[in-house]
């Protein structure tokens, strides 16, 4: 016996597209870049403070 097909409504399809489509991928890239920038800035600050403490 085949499983019943699942019918999705327009709101659920829109939500899925927002998460898994181009907007979701763009958000993922921007979040990754923001985290990379923050880590880079913190590393530079730590290095600057370590040089100043000498």
C-alpha atoms as a PDB file:
ATOM      1  CA  UNK A   1       0.000   0.000   0.000  1.00  0.00           C
ATOM      2  CA  UNK A   2       1.429   3.405  -0.977  1.00  0.00           C
ATOM      3  CA  UNK A   3       1.691   6.138   1.663  1.00  0.00           C
ATOM      4  CA  UNK A   4      -0.819   8.959   1.310  1.00  0.00           C
ATOM      5  CA  UNK A   5       0.471  12.054  -0.465  1.00  0.00           C
ATOM      6  CA  UNK A   6       1.027  15.110   1.683  1.00  0.00           C
ATOM      7  CA  UNK A   7      -0.671  18.283   0.510  1.00  0.00           C
ATOM      8  CA  UNK A   8       1.036  21.477   1.612  1.00  0.00           C
ATOM      9  CA  UNK A   9      -0.734  24.804   1.816  1.00  0.00           C
ATOM     10  CA  UNK A  10       0.635  28.012   0.305  1.00  0.00           C
ATOM     11  CA  UNK A  11       1.823  29.386   3.665  1.00  0.00           C
ATOM     12  CA  UNK A  12       3.772  26.237   4.461  1.00  0.00           C
ATOM     13  CA  UNK A  13       5.318  26.154   0.975  1.00  0.00           C
ATOM     14  CA  UNK A  14       6.310  29.825   1.305  1.00  0.00           C
ATOM     15  CA  UNK A  15       7.896  29.171   4.688  1.00  0.00           C
ATOM     16  CA  UNK A  16       9.814  26.199   3.288  1.00  0.00           C
ATOM     17  CA  UNK A  17      11.004  28.272   0.317  1.00  0.00           C
ATOM     18  CA  UNK A  18      12.160  31.080   2.642  1.00  0.00           C
ATOM     19  CA  UNK A  19      14.252  28.627   4.669  1.00  0.00           C
ATOM     20  CA  UNK A  20      15.608  26.414   1.904  1.00  0.00           C
ATOM     21  CA  UNK A  21      15.495  28.665  -1.158  1.00  0.00           C
ATOM     22  CA  UNK A  22      17.669  31.622  -2.165  1.00  0.00           C
ATOM     23  CA  UNK A  23      16.665  33.829   0.819  1.00  0.00           C
ATOM     24  CA  UNK A  24      17.690  31.097   3.251  1.00  0.00           C
ATOM     25  CA  UNK A  25      21.023  30.571   1.531  1.00  0.00           C
ATOM     26  CA  UNK A  26      21.682  34.315   1.438  1.00  0.00           C
ATOM     27  CA  UNK A  27      20.948  34.547   5.154  1.00  0.00           C
ATOM     28  CA  UNK A  28      23.322  31.644   5.809  1.00  0.00           C
ATOM     29  CA  UNK A  29      26.154  33.275   3.866  1.00  0.00           C
ATOM     30  CA  UNK A  30      25.626  36.639   5.571  1.00  0.00           C
ATOM     31  CA  UNK A  31      25.556  35.013   9.008  1.00  0.00           C
ATOM     32  CA  UNK A  32      28.780  33.118   8.248  1.00  0.00           C
ATOM     33  CA  UNK A  33      30.504  36.286   7.021  1.00  0.00           C
ATOM     34  CA  UNK A  34      29.371  38.249  10.084  1.00  0.00           C
ATOM     35  CA  UNK A  35      30.762  35.546  12.375  1.00  0.00           C
ATOM     36  CA  UNK A  36      34.016  35.451  10.412  1.00  0.00           C
ATOM     37  CA  UNK A  37      34.363  39.244  10.667  1.00  0.00           C
ATOM     38  CA  UNK A  38      33.635  39.233  14.393  1.00  0.00           C
ATOM     39  CA  UNK A  39      36.214  36.511  15.058  1.00  0.00           C
ATOM     40  CA  UNK A  40      38.800  38.352  12.953  1.00  0.00           C
ATOM     41  CA  UNK A  41      38.146  41.613  14.813  1.00  0.00           C
ATOM     42  CA  UNK A  42      38.408  39.899  18.203  1.00  0.00           C
ATOM     43  CA  UNK A  43      41.676  38.222  17.224  1.00  0.00           C
ATOM     44  CA  UNK A  44      43.151  41.557  16.124  1.00  0.00           C
ATOM     45  CA  UNK A  45      41.997  43.186  19.368  1.00  0.00           C
ATOM     46  CA  UNK A  46      43.565  40.405  21.444  1.00  0.00           C
ATOM     47  CA  UNK A  47      46.849  40.754  19.541  1.00  0.00           C
ATOM     48  CA  UNK A  48      46.821  44.539  20.009  1.00  0.00           C
ATOM     49  CA  UNK A  49      46.148  44.209  23.737  1.00  0.00           C
ATOM     50  CA  UNK A  50      48.904  41.598  24.098  1.00  0.00           C
ATOM     51  CA  UNK A  51      51.395  43.937  22.380  1.00  0.00           C
ATOM     52  CA  UNK A  52      50.315  46.841  24.597  1.00  0.00           C
ATOM     53  CA  UNK A  53      50.787  44.759  27.763  1.00  0.00           C
ATOM     54  CA  UNK A  54      54.465  44.077  27.023  1.00  0.00           C
END
